[in-house]
Amino acid sequence: QVQLVESGGGLVQTGGSLRLSCVASLSRFSMYYLAWYRQAPGKQREWVATIESGGVTNYSDSTKGRFTISRDNAKNTVYLEMNSLKPEDTGVYYCRAWLPGTTAYYWGQGTQVTVSS
C-alpha cells in the first residue's frame, strides 16, 4: 500500500521558517512528479509548488521567492523549505505524487502549519 507521510509542520511567528518533508513508499520514486498543496480553514485546497522528475520546479505566485521545493530520490523524499512566512501561509500542507501518462496519483495525510502574527 502506497503511503505519503508529511512531517515538519508546526507553529511559527511571522517571518519565520519551516521545512516540510514528505516520505513516499513508492517504487520508481524518481519517475514521479511531486507537489505540495495547502488548504486554509474554509478555503479550497490550492497548489503551492511542483517538482518534476527531471528537477524542473514551478511555484504559485504567492510562494515564489519564499518557498523552495526539492527532492532526494535516494530517500524517497520531497521537501518544502518555507521562508519569510506570513499568516496567510497558515493551513494544512499536503504532498501529492503522480506518474505522468498514467492514472496513478497519491496524497499524504497533511501536516499543519500555523503562522502567528
C-alpha atoms as a PDB file:
ATOM      1  CA  GLN A   1       0.000   0.000   0.000  1.00  0.00           C
ATOM      2  CA  VAL A   2       1.377   3.363  -1.042  1.00  0.00           C
ATOM      3  CA  GLN A   3       1.871   5.889   1.721  1.00  0.00           C
ATOM      4  CA  LEU A   4       2.940   9.510   1.672  1.00  0.00           C
ATOM      5  CA  VAL A   5       3.769  10.808   5.148  1.00  0.00           C
ATOM      6  CA  GLU A   6       4.321  14.518   5.747  1.00  0.00           C
ATOM      7  CA  SER A   7       6.130  15.984   8.724  1.00  0.00           C
ATOM      8  CA  GLY A   8       7.731  19.232   9.848  1.00  0.00           C
ATOM      9  CA  GLY A   9       4.678  21.394  10.392  1.00  0.00           C
ATOM     10  CA  GLY A  10       4.181  23.487  13.484  1.00  0.00           C
ATOM     11  CA  LEU A  11       3.643  26.951  14.920  1.00  0.00           C
ATOM     12  CA  VAL A  12       5.957  29.744  13.811  1.00  0.00           C
ATOM     13  CA  GLN A  13       5.944  33.523  14.017  1.00  0.00           C
ATOM     14  CA  THR A  14       5.601  35.828  11.016  1.00  0.00           C
ATOM     15  CA  GLY A  15       8.905  35.986   9.195  1.00  0.00           C
ATOM     16  CA  GLY A  16       9.992  32.583  10.426  1.00  0.00           C
ATOM     17  CA  SER A  17      10.891  29.427   8.546  1.00  0.00           C
ATOM     18  CA  LEU A  18       9.846  25.802   8.417  1.00  0.00           C
ATOM     19  CA  ARG A  19      10.951  22.788   6.415  1.00  0.00           C
ATOM     20  CA  LEU A  20       8.358  20.208   5.493  1.00  0.00           C
ATOM     21  CA  SER A  21       9.204  16.661   4.462  1.00  0.00           C
ATOM     22  CA  CYS A  22       7.156  14.000   2.724  1.00  0.00           C
ATOM     23  CA  VAL A  23       8.392  10.427   2.586  1.00  0.00           C
ATOM     24  CA  ALA A  24       6.777   8.218  -0.033  1.00  0.00           C
ATOM     25  CA  SER A  25       6.652   4.435  -0.110  1.00  0.00           C
ATOM     26  CA  LEU A  26       6.765   4.389  -3.899  1.00  0.00           C
ATOM     27  CA  SER A  27       8.735   2.208  -6.191  1.00  0.00           C
ATOM     28  CA  ARG A  28      10.214   4.151  -9.100  1.00  0.00           C
ATOM     29  CA  PHE A  29      10.003   7.290  -6.935  1.00  0.00           C
ATOM     30  CA  SER A  30      12.384   9.152  -9.217  1.00  0.00           C
ATOM     31  CA  MET A  31       9.874   8.973 -12.057  1.00  0.00           C
ATOM     32  CA  TYR A  32       7.084  10.660 -10.124  1.00  0.00           C
ATOM     33  CA  TYR A  33       6.150  14.301 -10.281  1.00  0.00           C
ATOM     34  CA  LEU A  34       5.737  15.698  -6.776  1.00  0.00           C
ATOM     35  CA  ALA A  35       3.845  18.686  -5.469  1.00  0.00           C
ATOM     36  CA  TRP A  36       2.814  20.488  -2.344  1.00  0.00           C
ATOM     37  CA  TYR A  37      -0.690  21.833  -1.809  1.00  0.00           C
ATOM     38  CA  ARG A  38      -2.234  23.634   1.123  1.00  0.00           C
ATOM     39  CA  GLN A  39      -5.699  24.199   2.495  1.00  0.00           C
ATOM     40  CA  ALA A  40      -6.619  27.060   4.782  1.00  0.00           C
ATOM     41  CA  PRO A  41      -9.711  26.840   7.020  1.00  0.00           C
ATOM     42  CA  GLY A  42     -12.871  27.395   4.989  1.00  0.00           C
ATOM     43  CA  LYS A  43     -10.981  27.531   1.707  1.00  0.00           C
ATOM     44  CA  GLN A  44     -10.314  25.167  -1.149  1.00  0.00           C
ATOM     45  CA  ARG A  45      -7.078  23.283  -1.417  1.00  0.00           C
ATOM     46  CA  GLU A  46      -4.577  25.249  -3.502  1.00  0.00           C
ATOM     47  CA  TRP A  47      -1.429  24.298  -5.334  1.00  0.00           C
ATOM     48  CA  VAL A  48       1.845  25.572  -3.869  1.00  0.00           C
ATOM     49  CA  ALA A  49       4.743  24.083  -5.854  1.00  0.00           C
ATOM     50  CA  THR A  50       5.737  21.224  -8.152  1.00  0.00           C
ATOM     51  CA  ILE A  51       8.979  19.444  -8.913  1.00  0.00           C
ATOM     52  CA  GLU A  52       9.136  17.245 -11.981  1.00  0.00           C
ATOM     53  CA  SER A  53      11.072  14.013 -12.274  1.00  0.00           C
ATOM     54  CA  GLY A  54      13.857  15.886 -14.043  1.00  0.00           C
ATOM     55  CA  GLY A  55      14.058  18.540 -11.321  1.00  0.00           C
ATOM     56  CA  VAL A  56      12.163  21.369 -13.024  1.00  0.00           C
ATOM     57  CA  THR A  57      10.269  23.394 -10.422  1.00  0.00           C
ATOM     58  CA  ASN A  58       7.246  25.659 -10.518  1.00  0.00           C
ATOM     59  CA  TYR A  59       5.667  27.815  -7.842  1.00  0.00           C
ATOM     60  CA  SER A  60       2.432  29.631  -7.232  1.00  0.00           C
ATOM     61  CA  ASP A  61       2.678  33.414  -7.396  1.00  0.00           C
ATOM     62  CA  SER A  62       2.063  33.673  -3.656  1.00  0.00           C
ATOM     63  CA  THR A  63       5.036  31.466  -2.738  1.00  0.00           C
ATOM     64  CA  LYS A  64       7.556  32.249  -5.462  1.00  0.00           C
ATOM     65  CA  GLY A  65      10.765  33.611  -3.987  1.00  0.00           C
ATOM     66  CA  ARG A  66       9.940  32.442  -0.454  1.00  0.00           C
ATOM     67  CA  PHE A  67       9.417  28.688  -0.806  1.00  0.00           C
ATOM     68  CA  THR A  68      11.734  26.085  -2.312  1.00  0.00           C
ATOM     69  CA  ILE A  69      10.697  22.585  -3.326  1.00  0.00           C
ATOM     70  CA  SER A  70      13.346  19.896  -3.659  1.00  0.00           C
ATOM     71  CA  ARG A  71      13.609  16.126  -3.773  1.00  0.00           C
ATOM     72  CA  ASP A  72      16.003  13.413  -2.672  1.00  0.00           C
ATOM     73  CA  ASN A  73      15.338  10.347  -4.779  1.00  0.00           C
ATOM     74  CA  ALA A  74      17.693   8.226  -2.689  1.00  0.00           C
ATOM     75  CA  LYS A  75      15.471   8.884   0.333  1.00  0.00           C
ATOM     76  CA  ASN A  76      12.115   8.864  -1.485  1.00  0.00           C
ATOM     77  CA  THR A  77      11.529  12.291  -0.006  1.00  0.00           C
ATOM     78  CA  VAL A  78      10.266  15.654  -1.195  1.00  0.00           C
ATOM     79  CA  TYR A  79      10.871  18.810   0.799  1.00  0.00           C
ATOM     80  CA  LEU A  80       9.338  22.252   1.052  1.00  0.00           C
ATOM     81  CA  GLU A  81      11.560  24.918   2.542  1.00  0.00           C
ATOM     82  CA  MET A  82       9.396  27.844   3.608  1.00  0.00           C
ATOM     83  CA  ASN A  83      10.931  31.209   4.485  1.00  0.00           C
ATOM     84  CA  SER A  84       9.522  34.645   5.307  1.00  0.00           C
ATOM     85  CA  LEU A  85       6.311  33.018   6.429  1.00  0.00           C
ATOM     86  CA  LYS A  86       3.131  35.077   6.619  1.00  0.00           C
ATOM     87  CA  PRO A  87      -0.146  34.466   8.471  1.00  0.00           C
ATOM     88  CA  GLU A  88      -1.805  33.757   5.119  1.00  0.00           C
ATOM     89  CA  ASP A  89       0.508  30.748   4.723  1.00  0.00           C
ATOM     90  CA  THR A  90      -1.403  29.060   7.540  1.00  0.00           C
ATOM     91  CA  GLY A  91      -3.091  25.795   6.591  1.00  0.00           C
ATOM     92  CA  VAL A  92      -2.743  22.061   6.243  1.00  0.00           C
ATOM     93  CA  TYR A  93       0.018  21.201   3.795  1.00  0.00           C
ATOM     94  CA  TYR A  94      -0.301  18.079   1.669  1.00  0.00           C
ATOM     95  CA  CYS A  95       2.117  16.364  -0.649  1.00  0.00           C
ATOM     96  CA  ARG A  96       0.990  14.704  -3.836  1.00  0.00           C
ATOM     97  CA  ALA A  97       2.746  12.287  -6.142  1.00  0.00           C
ATOM     98  CA  TRP A  98       1.709  11.300  -9.638  1.00  0.00           C
ATOM     99  CA  LEU A  99       3.090   9.445 -12.581  1.00  0.00           C
ATOM    100  CA  PRO A 100       2.581  11.360 -15.846  1.00  0.00           C
ATOM    101  CA  GLY A 101       0.762   9.425 -18.521  1.00  0.00           C
ATOM    102  CA  THR A 102      -0.941   7.157 -16.015  1.00  0.00           C
ATOM    103  CA  THR A 103      -3.859   7.389 -13.595  1.00  0.00           C
ATOM    104  CA  ALA A 104      -1.584   6.781 -10.617  1.00  0.00           C
ATOM    105  CA  TYR A 105      -1.622   9.570  -8.037  1.00  0.00           C
ATOM    106  CA  TYR A 106      -1.373   9.666  -4.273  1.00  0.00           C
ATOM    107  CA  TRP A 107      -1.927  12.138  -1.449  1.00  0.00           C
ATOM    108  CA  GLY A 108      -0.447  12.380   2.000  1.00  0.00           C
ATOM    109  CA  GLN A 109      -2.500  12.963   5.138  1.00  0.00           C
ATOM    110  CA  GLY A 110      -1.265  16.528   5.664  1.00  0.00           C
ATOM    111  CA  THR A 111       0.716  18.482   8.236  1.00  0.00           C
ATOM    112  CA  GLN A 112      -0.499  21.646   9.968  1.00  0.00           C
ATOM    113  CA  VAL A 113       1.386  24.903   9.540  1.00  0.00           C
ATOM    114  CA  THR A 114       0.318  27.872  11.653  1.00  0.00           C
ATOM    115  CA  VAL A 115       1.920  31.294  11.275  1.00  0.00           C
ATOM    116  CA  SER A 116       1.143  33.718  14.074  1.00  0.00           C
ATOM    117  CA  SER A 117       1.086  37.478  13.550  1.00  0.00           C
END
